[in-house]
Amino acid sequence: MTKLNEKKTGGYLLNTIVSAAVIALSVMAPQLGASVKGVTILWQLCYFIILSCSLNLVIGFLGQLSLGHCGFMGVGAYAAALISLAFQRAGFYSDKAGAAFLLVVLICVLAAGACAALVGLLVGIPALRMKGDYLAIITLGFGLIIVNIINNLPFCGMNGLSQGSAAPALYANGLGFVSKQLVAYLWMPVTLTIISVAAMYMFVRSKYGRAITAIRDNEIAAAASGIDVSHFKVLTFVVGAFFAGIAGAIFAMCSSTLSTASFNFTSSSILNSTFIVVMVVIGGMGSLTGSSVAAVLLYLLNYTIKNGKWVDALPVFMQQAFAYPMLVYSIVMVIVIIFRPHGIFGTYEFSLYGTLRGIFTKKSSKLTAKKATENE
């Protein structure tokens, strides 16, 4: 076995063990006494991580600006909620427990990703013929259009399906968990996040990933070398939409009701396409590690601004500034761009195996040098 293959095998094995340990801890959340409030934060972090990483595929690796990513999340959320509601009303499951319900959850998650990917295909084929600002405007328009379409679909509002009516809110969400159910099923978003990020990492490290980074670096040269530019652009857009749909399914799970206001481009919350772009830019365009870390940091920053008592201890003029969180995030992004134009992580990807191996190699080298010195 070559050193390269040994490194890959060791890395995959270590990542699998750590991932299994994290999932095991999430399964044991009820026994560990996890609070509903803390677990709710973890649920939200999971869909923000997936959303940020999936947008990075388009912005960071492909080099195309998309401003309608939350629209795909909305498609996934409503698809998962309505499909679960259909199974519930058909009597396939009654309680949110057991093998039948877990099968429904799996179907809903995959269907959410598939529906978002299909919409991504329909939008991507014409939109990706454009470049730069024009593409951004088209995707921005999609984000606004999809909200209005959902608002005017009778089966997407009020009680949903045959009992629904055109409205901006869906009150009957067969997939939504409440209070202790969020704790009991914490392993679901954790598992989906690990699988999604791992799949995206494998995608960008595959021949497809090398093709899209070639397109990002020089589209003309990529086309001249035989890469089907249009095909790979649409493929990446669809893959990003698929994972945004999965993030939408997780959002539907941790919400008893759904509202299109949550996915609107003009939403005042951090769940809007602009803020997801900020996560990608700050973390590093071309780094899934950076997107994940930035999603966690910016979410926690937003949470502490809105719920932390430390803001009240600040001078009055600073309290007024923190009353507009988006202003704070904009300042943070400007500072990052000035000092780290490529984001905090740039294109760096964290490797647990590489880090541990580096630590032990340094220790081994020091011990060898010390013994050599003593022998002399």
Protein backbone atom coordinates (compact mmCIF):
# COMPACT_ATOMS: atom_id res chain seq x y z
CA MET A 1 0.00 0.00 0.00
CA THR A 2 1.40 3.38 -1.02
CA LYS A 3 1.68 6.26 1.42
CA LEU A 4 -1.08 8.14 -0.43
CA ASN A 5 -3.51 5.20 -0.20
CA GLU A 6 -2.53 4.67 3.43
CA LYS A 7 -3.26 8.32 4.19
CA LYS A 8 -6.66 8.16 2.45
CA THR A 9 -7.63 4.92 4.19
CA GLY A 10 -6.55 6.27 7.58
CA GLY A 11 -8.42 9.51 7.00
CA TYR A 12 -11.64 7.77 5.96
CA LEU A 13 -11.45 5.35 8.88
CA LEU A 14 -10.85 8.11 11.45
CA ASN A 15 -13.63 10.30 10.01
CA THR A 16 -16.03 7.35 10.07
CA ILE A 17 -15.22 6.59 13.72
CA VAL A 18 -15.62 10.24 14.78
CA SER A 19 -18.87 10.60 12.80
CA ALA A 20 -20.25 7.41 14.37
CA ALA A 21 -19.32 8.74 17.83
CA VAL A 22 -21.08 12.07 17.17
CA ILE A 23 -24.21 10.27 15.93
CA ALA A 24 -24.12 7.97 18.96
CA LEU A 25 -23.99 11.01 21.28
CA SER A 26 -26.96 12.56 19.48
CA VAL A 27 -28.91 9.30 19.88
CA MET A 28 -28.17 9.42 23.62
CA ALA A 29 -29.30 13.06 23.92
CA PRO A 30 -32.43 12.22 26.00
CA GLN A 31 -30.38 10.08 28.41
CA LEU A 32 -27.76 12.83 28.70
CA GLY A 33 -30.42 15.32 29.81
CA ALA A 34 -30.16 17.64 26.80
CA SER A 35 -32.45 20.67 27.03
CA VAL A 36 -35.04 21.45 24.37
CA LYS A 37 -33.61 24.95 23.95
CA GLY A 38 -30.07 23.71 23.34
CA VAL A 39 -31.23 20.94 21.01
CA THR A 40 -33.32 23.41 18.98
CA ILE A 41 -30.16 25.44 18.40
CA LEU A 42 -28.38 22.29 17.15
CA TRP A 43 -31.25 21.56 14.74
CA GLN A 44 -30.99 25.07 13.33
CA LEU A 45 -27.21 24.87 13.06
CA CYS A 46 -27.55 21.67 11.04
CA TYR A 47 -29.69 23.17 8.30
CA PHE A 48 -27.58 26.33 8.19
CA ILE A 49 -24.41 24.25 7.70
CA ILE A 50 -25.96 22.27 4.83
CA LEU A 51 -27.39 25.42 3.26
CA SER A 52 -24.07 27.28 3.46
CA CYS A 53 -22.02 24.37 2.09
CA SER A 54 -24.46 23.73 -0.77
CA LEU A 55 -24.36 27.40 -1.81
CA ASN A 56 -20.55 27.27 -1.70
CA LEU A 57 -20.69 24.64 -4.44
CA VAL A 58 -22.21 27.26 -6.73
CA ILE A 59 -20.42 30.40 -5.55
CA GLY A 60 -17.07 29.11 -4.32
CA PHE A 61 -16.32 26.11 -6.52
CA LEU A 62 -18.25 26.98 -9.70
CA GLY A 63 -17.77 30.75 -9.43
CA GLN A 64 -21.41 31.72 -10.15
CA LEU A 65 -23.37 34.11 -7.91
CA SER A 66 -26.79 32.82 -6.82
CA LEU A 67 -29.17 34.91 -4.71
CA GLY A 68 -32.15 32.56 -4.59
CA HIS A 69 -30.81 29.63 -2.61
CA CYS A 70 -33.41 29.86 0.15
CA GLY A 71 -36.05 29.36 -2.54
CA PHE A 72 -34.79 25.79 -3.03
CA MET A 73 -34.90 25.31 0.72
CA GLY A 74 -38.53 26.46 0.70
CA VAL A 75 -39.38 23.94 -2.04
CA GLY A 76 -37.79 21.16 0.00
CA ALA A 77 -39.51 22.20 3.23
CA TYR A 78 -42.99 22.31 1.71
CA ALA A 79 -42.43 19.09 -0.26
CA ALA A 80 -41.36 17.21 2.88
CA ALA A 81 -44.22 18.63 4.97
CA LEU A 82 -46.93 17.87 2.39
CA ILE A 83 -45.70 14.35 1.59
CA SER A 84 -45.54 13.47 5.29
CA LEU A 85 -49.02 14.94 5.71
CA ALA A 86 -50.32 12.75 2.86
CA PHE A 87 -48.90 9.62 4.53
CA GLN A 88 -50.38 10.67 7.86
CA ARG A 89 -53.87 11.22 6.45
CA ALA A 90 -53.66 7.95 4.54
CA GLY A 91 -53.17 6.19 7.89
CA PHE A 92 -49.66 4.96 7.11
CA TYR A 93 -48.56 6.23 10.54
CA SER A 94 -50.28 7.92 13.47
CA ASP A 95 -47.61 8.42 16.12
CA LYS A 96 -44.22 9.92 15.28
CA ALA A 97 -42.39 6.76 16.22
CA GLY A 98 -41.72 3.31 14.86
CA ALA A 99 -40.40 1.87 11.62
CA ALA A 100 -43.29 3.20 9.49
CA PHE A 101 -42.64 6.79 10.57
CA LEU A 102 -38.87 6.50 10.05
CA LEU A 103 -39.55 5.19 6.53
CA VAL A 104 -41.80 8.21 5.87
CA VAL A 105 -39.06 10.55 7.12
CA LEU A 106 -36.54 8.95 4.75
CA ILE A 107 -38.96 9.25 1.82
CA CYS A 108 -39.72 12.88 2.70
CA VAL A 109 -36.06 13.86 2.93
CA LEU A 110 -35.19 12.25 -0.41
CA ALA A 111 -38.32 13.71 -2.04
CA ALA A 112 -37.48 17.16 -0.68
CA GLY A 113 -34.03 16.99 -2.24
CA ALA A 114 -35.43 15.61 -5.51
CA CYS A 115 -38.12 18.33 -5.80
CA ALA A 116 -35.58 21.08 -5.10
CA ALA A 117 -33.16 19.52 -7.61
CA LEU A 118 -35.90 19.39 -10.28
CA VAL A 119 -36.72 23.05 -9.71
CA GLY A 120 -32.97 23.78 -9.78
CA LEU A 121 -32.76 22.04 -13.16
CA LEU A 122 -35.66 24.07 -14.57
CA VAL A 123 -34.14 27.31 -13.30
CA GLY A 124 -30.52 26.42 -14.04
CA ILE A 125 -30.83 25.50 -17.73
CA PRO A 126 -31.89 29.00 -18.85
CA ALA A 127 -30.29 30.97 -15.98
CA LEU A 128 -26.77 29.59 -16.34
CA ARG A 129 -26.56 30.87 -19.90
CA MET A 130 -26.11 34.23 -18.19
CA LYS A 131 -23.05 35.37 -16.26
CA GLY A 132 -22.20 37.68 -13.39
CA ASP A 133 -24.83 40.24 -12.43
CA TYR A 134 -27.40 38.86 -14.86
CA LEU A 135 -27.32 35.42 -13.24
CA ALA A 136 -27.62 37.02 -9.80
CA ILE A 137 -30.70 38.97 -10.92
CA ILE A 138 -32.34 35.85 -12.39
CA THR A 139 -31.78 33.78 -9.23
CA LEU A 140 -32.99 36.71 -7.11
CA GLY A 141 -36.14 36.76 -9.23
CA PHE A 142 -36.57 33.00 -8.71
CA GLY A 143 -36.39 33.45 -4.94
CA LEU A 144 -39.21 36.00 -5.11
CA ILE A 145 -41.30 34.01 -7.61
CA ILE A 146 -41.20 30.69 -5.76
CA VAL A 147 -42.59 32.33 -2.61
CA ASN A 148 -45.53 33.78 -4.56
CA ILE A 149 -46.17 30.46 -6.32
CA ILE A 150 -46.34 28.60 -2.99
CA ASN A 151 -48.61 31.31 -1.58
CA ASN A 152 -51.10 30.75 -4.41
CA LEU A 153 -51.13 26.95 -4.42
CA PRO A 154 -54.26 25.81 -2.52
CA PHE A 155 -52.68 22.56 -1.30
CA CYS A 156 -49.71 24.45 0.21
CA GLY A 157 -51.71 26.60 2.62
CA MET A 158 -53.68 26.33 5.86
CA ASN A 159 -54.46 22.61 6.47
CA GLY A 160 -52.70 21.43 3.34
CA LEU A 161 -53.58 19.09 0.46
CA SER A 162 -57.33 18.62 -0.15
CA GLN A 163 -58.15 20.58 3.01
CA GLY A 164 -55.92 23.50 2.11
CA SER A 165 -56.46 26.95 0.66
CA ALA A 166 -54.15 29.55 -0.84
CA ALA A 167 -52.33 31.16 2.08
CA PRO A 168 -48.75 32.07 3.09
CA ALA A 169 -48.77 29.60 5.99
CA LEU A 170 -49.12 25.81 6.28
CA TYR A 171 -50.42 24.90 9.72
CA ALA A 172 -50.69 21.14 9.15
CA ASN A 173 -47.13 19.84 9.04
CA GLY A 174 -47.06 16.07 9.40
CA LEU A 175 -43.28 16.11 9.81
CA GLY A 176 -42.95 18.81 12.46
CA PHE A 177 -41.48 17.81 15.85
CA VAL A 178 -42.21 19.63 19.08
CA SER A 179 -40.44 19.88 22.46
CA LYS A 180 -39.16 16.45 23.56
CA GLN A 181 -39.47 14.98 20.06
CA LEU A 182 -36.72 17.36 18.97
CA VAL A 183 -34.47 15.87 21.64
CA ALA A 184 -35.40 12.27 20.83
CA TYR A 185 -34.76 12.72 17.12
CA LEU A 186 -31.66 14.90 17.31
CA TRP A 187 -29.76 12.12 15.55
CA MET A 188 -31.73 12.81 12.36
CA PRO A 189 -30.35 16.29 11.51
CA VAL A 190 -26.90 15.32 12.80
CA THR A 191 -26.79 12.25 10.56
CA LEU A 192 -28.17 14.14 7.56
CA THR A 193 -25.63 16.93 8.05
CA ILE A 194 -22.68 14.53 8.28
CA ILE A 195 -23.81 12.58 5.21
CA SER A 196 -24.56 15.76 3.21
CA VAL A 197 -21.26 17.50 3.96
CA ALA A 198 -19.33 14.27 3.30
CA ALA A 199 -21.15 13.82 -0.03
CA MET A 200 -20.40 17.41 -1.05
CA TYR A 201 -16.75 16.97 -0.05
CA MET A 202 -16.50 13.83 -2.18
CA PHE A 203 -18.18 15.66 -5.06
CA VAL A 204 -15.69 18.55 -5.08
CA ARG A 205 -12.77 16.12 -4.75
CA SER A 206 -13.96 14.00 -7.68
CA LYS A 207 -13.37 14.53 -11.40
CA TYR A 208 -16.59 16.57 -11.44
CA GLY A 209 -15.19 18.89 -8.78
CA ARG A 210 -11.97 19.33 -10.71
CA ALA A 211 -14.01 20.18 -13.81
CA ILE A 212 -16.08 22.89 -12.09
CA THR A 213 -13.01 24.48 -10.45
CA ALA A 214 -11.41 24.57 -13.92
CA ILE A 215 -14.52 26.40 -15.18
CA ARG A 216 -14.29 28.82 -12.26
CA ASP A 217 -10.61 29.56 -12.90
CA ASN A 218 -10.88 30.00 -16.66
CA GLU A 219 -14.09 29.14 -18.49
CA ILE A 220 -12.63 29.60 -21.98
CA ALA A 221 -9.62 27.39 -21.24
CA ALA A 222 -11.89 24.74 -19.67
CA ALA A 223 -14.11 24.66 -22.76
CA ALA A 224 -11.04 24.49 -25.02
CA SER A 225 -9.75 21.47 -23.07
CA GLY A 226 -12.95 19.54 -23.77
CA ILE A 227 -15.00 20.21 -20.62
CA ASP A 228 -18.74 20.56 -21.30
CA VAL A 229 -19.15 23.88 -19.51
CA SER A 230 -22.97 24.09 -19.73
CA HIS A 231 -23.39 20.52 -18.47
CA PHE A 232 -21.18 20.98 -15.42
CA LYS A 233 -22.72 24.35 -14.56
CA VAL A 234 -26.22 22.89 -14.53
CA LEU A 235 -25.01 19.77 -12.69
CA THR A 236 -23.45 21.82 -9.88
CA PHE A 237 -26.52 24.05 -9.65
CA VAL A 238 -28.78 20.98 -9.37
CA VAL A 239 -26.54 19.32 -6.74
CA GLY A 240 -26.54 22.55 -4.68
CA ALA A 241 -30.35 22.74 -4.98
CA PHE A 242 -30.68 19.09 -3.91
CA PHE A 243 -28.83 19.67 -0.65
CA ALA A 244 -30.71 22.94 -0.07
CA GLY A 245 -33.88 20.84 -0.33
CA ILE A 246 -32.54 18.48 2.34
CA ALA A 247 -31.86 21.51 4.54
CA GLY A 248 -35.49 22.48 3.92
CA ALA A 249 -36.65 19.03 5.09
CA ILE A 250 -34.69 19.50 8.34
CA PHE A 251 -36.29 22.95 8.71
CA ALA A 252 -39.72 21.35 8.28
CA MET A 253 -38.90 18.76 10.95
CA CYS A 254 -38.10 21.37 13.60
CA SER A 255 -41.09 23.60 12.74
CA SER A 256 -44.66 22.77 13.71
CA THR A 257 -45.90 25.18 11.01
CA LEU A 258 -44.38 26.58 7.83
CA SER A 259 -44.57 30.08 6.40
CA THR A 260 -43.22 31.38 3.11
CA ALA A 261 -42.05 34.48 4.99
CA SER A 262 -39.22 32.30 6.33
CA PHE A 263 -37.80 31.84 2.80
CA ASN A 264 -38.50 35.29 1.40
CA PHE A 265 -35.53 37.27 0.11
CA THR A 266 -36.71 40.23 2.17
CA SER A 267 -36.96 38.18 5.38
CA SER A 268 -35.65 40.10 8.39
CA SER A 269 -34.26 36.91 9.95
CA ILE A 270 -30.88 35.40 9.10
CA LEU A 271 -32.67 32.75 7.04
CA ASN A 272 -32.43 34.63 3.76
CA SER A 273 -30.31 34.13 0.68
CA THR A 274 -28.19 37.23 1.27
CA PHE A 275 -27.11 36.08 4.70
CA ILE A 276 -26.20 32.64 3.37
CA VAL A 277 -23.98 34.37 0.80
CA VAL A 278 -22.35 36.27 3.67
CA MET A 279 -21.61 32.94 5.40
CA VAL A 280 -19.92 31.62 2.24
CA VAL A 281 -17.85 34.78 1.70
CA ILE A 282 -16.70 35.03 5.33
CA GLY A 283 -15.91 31.32 5.65
CA GLY A 284 -14.03 31.11 2.36
CA MET A 285 -15.24 30.63 -1.19
CA GLY A 286 -13.99 27.14 -2.02
CA SER A 287 -13.87 25.73 1.52
CA LEU A 288 -16.61 23.54 2.95
CA THR A 289 -14.84 23.77 6.31
CA GLY A 290 -15.04 27.54 6.12
CA SER A 291 -18.75 27.47 5.23
CA SER A 292 -19.50 25.16 8.16
CA VAL A 293 -17.53 27.24 10.68
CA ALA A 294 -18.94 30.54 9.37
CA ALA A 295 -22.50 29.15 9.58
CA VAL A 296 -21.97 28.19 13.22
CA LEU A 297 -20.23 31.44 14.20
CA LEU A 298 -22.68 33.79 12.48
CA TYR A 299 -25.69 31.90 13.78
CA LEU A 300 -24.34 32.04 17.35
CA LEU A 301 -23.45 35.73 16.89
CA ASN A 302 -27.01 36.43 15.78
CA TYR A 303 -28.41 34.38 18.67
CA THR A 304 -26.30 36.14 21.31
CA ILE A 305 -27.13 39.57 19.88
CA LYS A 306 -30.85 38.85 20.14
CA ASN A 307 -30.82 36.88 23.40
CA GLY A 308 -27.61 37.81 25.20
CA LYS A 309 -27.73 40.14 28.18
CA TRP A 310 -24.24 41.43 27.36
CA VAL A 311 -25.75 43.77 24.76
CA ASP A 312 -27.61 45.63 27.54
CA ALA A 313 -24.30 46.28 29.29
CA LEU A 314 -22.88 48.15 26.27
CA PRO A 315 -23.00 51.95 25.89
CA VAL A 316 -26.28 53.29 24.50
CA PHE A 317 -24.90 54.14 21.05
CA MET A 318 -23.56 50.57 20.66
CA GLN A 319 -26.88 49.10 21.79
CA GLN A 320 -28.55 51.07 19.03
CA ALA A 321 -26.10 49.60 16.51
CA PHE A 322 -26.82 46.05 17.72
CA ALA A 323 -30.54 46.75 17.27
CA TYR A 324 -29.79 46.26 13.56
CA PRO A 325 -27.97 42.90 13.39
CA MET A 326 -27.60 43.05 9.61
CA LEU A 327 -25.48 46.17 10.05
CA VAL A 328 -23.18 44.26 12.41
CA TYR A 329 -22.84 41.36 9.94
CA SER A 330 -22.05 43.78 7.12
CA ILE A 331 -19.28 45.37 9.18
CA VAL A 332 -17.90 41.92 10.02
CA MET A 333 -17.92 40.96 6.33
CA VAL A 334 -16.16 44.18 5.31
CA ILE A 335 -13.44 43.62 7.94
CA VAL A 336 -12.95 40.01 6.79
CA ILE A 337 -12.75 41.04 3.12
CA ILE A 338 -10.17 43.75 3.93
CA PHE A 339 -7.85 41.47 5.90
CA ARG A 340 -8.78 38.09 4.34
CA PRO A 341 -10.01 38.72 0.77
CA HIS A 342 -10.55 35.00 0.17
CA GLY A 343 -12.37 34.45 3.46
CA ILE A 344 -11.16 33.13 6.80
CA PHE A 345 -10.29 29.67 5.48
CA GLY A 346 -9.75 30.52 1.82
CA THR A 347 -9.69 27.14 0.07
CA TYR A 348 -8.31 25.24 3.09
CA GLU A 349 -10.09 22.07 4.21
CA PHE A 350 -9.57 20.79 7.74
CA SER A 351 -8.26 17.22 8.03
CA LEU A 352 -8.51 15.57 11.45
CA TYR A 353 -6.23 12.73 10.33
CA GLY A 354 -3.65 15.15 8.91
CA THR A 355 -3.72 17.28 12.07
CA LEU A 356 -3.24 14.31 14.41
CA ARG A 357 -0.59 12.81 12.19
CA GLY A 358 1.28 16.13 12.13
CA ILE A 359 1.18 16.37 15.94
CA PHE A 360 2.46 12.83 16.48
CA THR A 361 5.09 13.20 13.73
CA LYS A 362 6.47 16.32 15.41
CA LYS A 363 6.58 14.58 18.78
CA SER A 364 8.30 11.58 17.24
CA SER A 365 10.86 13.83 15.52
CA LYS A 366 11.59 15.63 18.78
CA LEU A 367 12.09 12.35 20.64
CA THR A 368 14.38 11.03 17.89
CA ALA A 369 16.43 14.24 17.94
CA LYS A 370 16.64 14.11 21.74
CA LYS A 371 17.89 10.50 21.71
CA ALA A 372 20.44 11.34 19.04
CA THR A 373 21.71 14.22 21.14
CA GLU A 374 21.99 12.00 24.23
CA ASN A 375 23.88 9.32 22.29
CA GLU A 376 26.41 11.89 21.14
